[in-house]
Amino acid sequence: MSDERFIKKPNLPENDVTLCVCSDSDTARLLASCGITVLQTKPTPYT
């Protein structure tokens, strides 16, 4: 038997968020002000 688990609430974390990947600098600044470590990336041209 595998150790697979289903997500109870898709797209919502079950625990505190401590790390995030983000391409928008305003959003990154807001997340950082909440104590979240932000890995900032360049926006994708495919949106």
PDB file of N, CA and C in Angstrom:
ATOM      1  N   MET A   1       0.846  -1.189   0.000  1.00  0.00           N
ATOM      2  CA  MET A   1       0.000   0.000   0.000  1.00  0.00           C
ATOM      3  C   MET A   1       0.886   1.246   0.000  1.00  0.00           C
ATOM      4  N   SER A   2       0.501   2.250  -0.747  1.00  0.00           N
ATOM      5  CA  SER A   2       1.308   3.468  -0.854  1.00  0.00           C
ATOM      6  C   SER A   2       0.970   4.465   0.252  1.00  0.00           C
ATOM      7  N   ASP A   3       1.798   5.496   0.361  1.00  0.00           N
ATOM      8  CA  ASP A   3       1.601   6.543   1.361  1.00  0.00           C
ATOM      9  C   ASP A   3       0.915   7.766   0.769  1.00  0.00           C
ATOM     10  N   GLU A   4       0.148   7.597  -0.302  1.00  0.00           N
ATOM     11  CA  GLU A   4      -0.503   8.726  -0.952  1.00  0.00           C
ATOM     12  C   GLU A   4      -1.608   9.304  -0.077  1.00  0.00           C
ATOM     13  N   ARG A   5      -1.731  10.647  -0.138  1.00  0.00           N
ATOM     14  CA  ARG A   5      -2.797  11.330   0.582  1.00  0.00           C
ATOM     15  C   ARG A   5      -3.471  12.293  -0.368  1.00  0.00           C
ATOM     16  N   PHE A   6      -4.735  12.510  -0.199  1.00  0.00           N
ATOM     17  CA  PHE A   6      -5.467  13.477  -0.996  1.00  0.00           C
ATOM     18  C   PHE A   6      -5.492  14.814  -0.276  1.00  0.00           C
ATOM     19  N   ILE A   7      -5.473  15.883  -1.045  1.00  0.00           N
ATOM     20  CA  ILE A   7      -5.536  17.225  -0.480  1.00  0.00           C
ATOM     21  C   ILE A   7      -6.978  17.503  -0.065  1.00  0.00           C
ATOM     22  N   LYS A   8      -7.173  17.987   1.148  1.00  0.00           N
ATOM     23  CA  LYS A   8      -8.521  18.279   1.626  1.00  0.00           C
ATOM     24  C   LYS A   8      -9.096  19.522   0.972  1.00  0.00           C
ATOM     25  N   LYS A   9      -8.276  20.546   0.796  1.00  0.00           N
ATOM     26  CA  LYS A   9      -8.709  21.801   0.179  1.00  0.00           C
ATOM     27  C   LYS A   9      -7.725  22.140  -0.939  1.00  0.00           C
ATOM     28  N   PRO A  10      -8.034  21.791  -2.193  1.00  0.00           N
ATOM     29  CA  PRO A  10      -7.096  22.061  -3.286  1.00  0.00           C
ATOM     30  C   PRO A  10      -6.704  23.540  -3.354  1.00  0.00           C
ATOM     31  N   ASN A  11      -5.442  23.780  -3.633  1.00  0.00           N
ATOM     32  CA  ASN A  11      -4.864  25.108  -3.803  1.00  0.00           C
ATOM     33  C   ASN A  11      -4.790  25.930  -2.528  1.00  0.00           C
ATOM     34  N   LEU A  12      -5.080  25.335  -1.383  1.00  0.00           N
ATOM     35  CA  LEU A  12      -4.953  26.024  -0.096  1.00  0.00           C
ATOM     36  C   LEU A  12      -4.029  25.209   0.796  1.00  0.00           C
ATOM     37  N   PRO A  13      -3.035  25.831   1.390  1.00  0.00           N
ATOM     38  CA  PRO A  13      -2.112  25.077   2.245  1.00  0.00           C
ATOM     39  C   PRO A  13      -2.797  24.623   3.531  1.00  0.00           C
ATOM     40  N   GLU A  14      -2.404  23.446   3.999  1.00  0.00           N
ATOM     41  CA  GLU A  14      -2.951  22.921   5.245  1.00  0.00           C
ATOM     42  C   GLU A  14      -2.172  23.425   6.460  1.00  0.00           C
ATOM     43  N   ASN A  15      -0.947  23.906   6.252  1.00  0.00           N
ATOM     44  CA  ASN A  15      -0.097  24.401   7.335  1.00  0.00           C
ATOM     45  C   ASN A  15       0.309  25.839   7.028  1.00  0.00           C
ATOM     46  N   ASP A  16       1.069  26.443   7.936  1.00  0.00           N
ATOM     47  CA  ASP A  16       1.566  27.794   7.704  1.00  0.00           C
ATOM     48  C   ASP A  16       2.480  27.812   6.486  1.00  0.00           C
ATOM     49  N   VAL A  17       2.391  28.860   5.699  1.00  0.00           N
ATOM     50  CA  VAL A  17       3.250  29.032   4.530  1.00  0.00           C
ATOM     51  C   VAL A  17       4.544  29.696   4.982  1.00  0.00           C
ATOM     52  N   THR A  18       5.679  29.110   4.588  1.00  0.00           N
ATOM     53  CA  THR A  18       6.979  29.677   4.953  1.00  0.00           C
ATOM     54  C   THR A  18       7.827  29.991   3.735  1.00  0.00           C
ATOM     55  N   LEU A  19       7.450  29.479   2.559  1.00  0.00           N
ATOM     56  CA  LEU A  19       8.226  29.665   1.344  1.00  0.00           C
ATOM     57  C   LEU A  19       7.288  29.768   0.161  1.00  0.00           C
ATOM     58  N   CYS A  20       7.575  30.698  -0.761  1.00  0.00           N
ATOM     59  CA  CYS A  20       6.715  30.913  -1.913  1.00  0.00           C
ATOM     60  C   CYS A  20       7.568  31.307  -3.115  1.00  0.00           C
ATOM     61  N   VAL A  21       7.168  30.865  -4.306  1.00  0.00           N
ATOM     62  CA  VAL A  21       7.799  31.290  -5.548  1.00  0.00           C
ATOM     63  C   VAL A  21       6.862  32.286  -6.202  1.00  0.00           C
ATOM     64  N   CYS A  22       7.390  33.444  -6.582  1.00  0.00           N
ATOM     65  CA  CYS A  22       6.544  34.523  -7.069  1.00  0.00           C
ATOM     66  C   CYS A  22       7.291  35.339  -8.122  1.00  0.00           C
ATOM     67  N   SER A  23       6.566  35.799  -9.158  1.00  0.00           N
ATOM     68  CA  SER A  23       7.214  36.624 -10.180  1.00  0.00           C
ATOM     69  C   SER A  23       6.834  38.100 -10.068  1.00  0.00           C
ATOM     70  N   ASP A  24       5.804  38.422  -9.341  1.00  0.00           N
ATOM     71  CA  ASP A  24       5.357  39.809  -9.202  1.00  0.00           C
ATOM     72  C   ASP A  24       6.041  40.449  -7.999  1.00  0.00           C
ATOM     73  N   SER A  25       6.726  41.565  -8.210  1.00  0.00           N
ATOM     74  CA  SER A  25       7.495  42.178  -7.123  1.00  0.00           C
ATOM     75  C   SER A  25       6.611  42.756  -6.019  1.00  0.00           C
ATOM     76  N   ASP A  26       5.441  43.294  -6.362  1.00  0.00           N
ATOM     77  CA  ASP A  26       4.541  43.820  -5.325  1.00  0.00           C
ATOM     78  C   ASP A  26       4.029  42.695  -4.433  1.00  0.00           C
ATOM     79  N   THR A  27       3.648  41.583  -5.045  1.00  0.00           N
ATOM     80  CA  THR A  27       3.180  40.429  -4.271  1.00  0.00           C
ATOM     81  C   THR A  27       4.314  39.856  -3.438  1.00  0.00           C
ATOM     82  N   ALA A  28       5.508  39.797  -4.007  1.00  0.00           N
ATOM     83  CA  ALA A  28       6.671  39.286  -3.274  1.00  0.00           C
ATOM     84  C   ALA A  28       6.949  40.140  -2.042  1.00  0.00           C
ATOM     85  N   ARG A  29       6.855  41.456  -2.186  1.00  0.00           N
ATOM     86  CA  ARG A  29       7.067  42.371  -1.057  1.00  0.00           C
ATOM     87  C   ARG A  29       6.017  42.144   0.041  1.00  0.00           C
ATOM     88  N   LEU A  30       4.770  41.959  -0.357  1.00  0.00           N
ATOM     89  CA  LEU A  30       3.695  41.718   0.598  1.00  0.00           C
ATOM     90  C   LEU A  30       3.913  40.400   1.351  1.00  0.00           C
ATOM     91  N   LEU A  31       4.265  39.360   0.609  1.00  0.00           N
ATOM     92  CA  LEU A  31       4.514  38.061   1.247  1.00  0.00           C
ATOM     93  C   LEU A  31       5.695  38.148   2.206  1.00  0.00           C
ATOM     94  N   ALA A  32       6.754  38.829   1.795  1.00  0.00           N
ATOM     95  CA  ALA A  32       7.934  38.977   2.650  1.00  0.00           C
ATOM     96  C   ALA A  32       7.584  39.739   3.926  1.00  0.00           C
ATOM     97  N   SER A  33       6.690  40.724   3.821  1.00  0.00           N
ATOM     98  CA  SER A  33       6.298  41.484   5.013  1.00  0.00           C
ATOM     99  C   SER A  33       5.501  40.627   5.998  1.00  0.00           C
ATOM    100  N   CYS A  34       4.977  39.503   5.509  1.00  0.00           N
ATOM    101  CA  CYS A  34       4.253  38.555   6.376  1.00  0.00           C
ATOM    102  C   CYS A  34       5.180  37.483   6.934  1.00  0.00           C
ATOM    103  N   GLY A  35       6.484  37.611   6.675  1.00  0.00           N
ATOM    104  CA  GLY A  35       7.450  36.647   7.196  1.00  0.00           C
ATOM    105  C   GLY A  35       7.634  35.423   6.316  1.00  0.00           C
ATOM    106  N   ILE A  36       7.182  35.497   5.072  1.00  0.00           N
ATOM    107  CA  ILE A  36       7.307  34.375   4.143  1.00  0.00           C
ATOM    108  C   ILE A  36       8.546  34.589   3.284  1.00  0.00           C
ATOM    109  N   THR A  37       9.379  33.560   3.170  1.00  0.00           N
ATOM    110  CA  THR A  37      10.545  33.623   2.311  1.00  0.00           C
ATOM    111  C   THR A  37      10.082  33.527   0.864  1.00  0.00           C
ATOM    112  N   VAL A  38      10.543  34.459   0.025  1.00  0.00           N
ATOM    113  CA  VAL A  38      10.096  34.515  -1.368  1.00  0.00           C
ATOM    114  C   VAL A  38      11.256  34.218  -2.299  1.00  0.00           C
ATOM    115  N   LEU A  39      11.053  33.270  -3.204  1.00  0.00           N
ATOM    116  CA  LEU A  39      11.992  33.012  -4.282  1.00  0.00           C
ATOM    117  C   LEU A  39      11.415  33.720  -5.495  1.00  0.00           C
ATOM    118  N   GLN A  40      12.036  34.815  -5.882  1.00  0.00           N
ATOM    119  CA  GLN A  40      11.471  35.615  -6.967  1.00  0.00           C
ATOM    120  C   GLN A  40      11.996  35.111  -8.308  1.00  0.00           C
ATOM    121  N   THR A  41      11.076  34.980  -9.277  1.00  0.00           N
ATOM    122  CA  THR A  41      11.410  34.517 -10.611  1.00  0.00           C
ATOM    123  C   THR A  41      10.993  35.560 -11.638  1.00  0.00           C
ATOM    124  N   LYS A  42      11.381  35.348 -12.861  1.00  0.00           N
ATOM    125  CA  LYS A  42      10.935  36.208 -13.953  1.00  0.00           C
ATOM    126  C   LYS A  42       9.566  35.718 -14.418  1.00  0.00           C
ATOM    127  N   PRO A  43       8.693  36.636 -14.857  1.00  0.00           N
ATOM    128  CA  PRO A  43       7.380  36.204 -15.366  1.00  0.00           C
ATOM    129  C   PRO A  43       7.531  35.330 -16.596  1.00  0.00           C
ATOM    130  N   THR A  44       6.643  34.398 -16.776  1.00  0.00           N
ATOM    131  CA  THR A  44       6.651  33.550 -17.954  1.00  0.00           C
ATOM    132  C   THR A  44       5.992  34.267 -19.132  1.00  0.00           C
ATOM    133  N   PRO A  45       6.492  34.092 -20.328  1.00  0.00           N
ATOM    134  CA  PRO A  45       5.874  34.746 -21.483  1.00  0.00           C
ATOM    135  C   PRO A  45       4.614  34.013 -21.961  1.00  0.00           C
ATOM    136  N   TYR A  46       4.249  32.911 -21.314  1.00  0.00           N
ATOM    137  CA  TYR A  46       3.138  32.076 -21.769  1.00  0.00           C
ATOM    138  C   TYR A  46       1.813  32.372 -21.081  1.00  0.00           C
ATOM    139  N   THR A  47       1.704  33.501 -20.398  1.00  0.00           N
ATOM    140  CA  THR A  47       0.443  33.796 -19.711  1.00  0.00           C
ATOM    141  C   THR A  47      -0.442  34.674 -20.550  1.00  0.00           C
TER     142      THR A  47
END
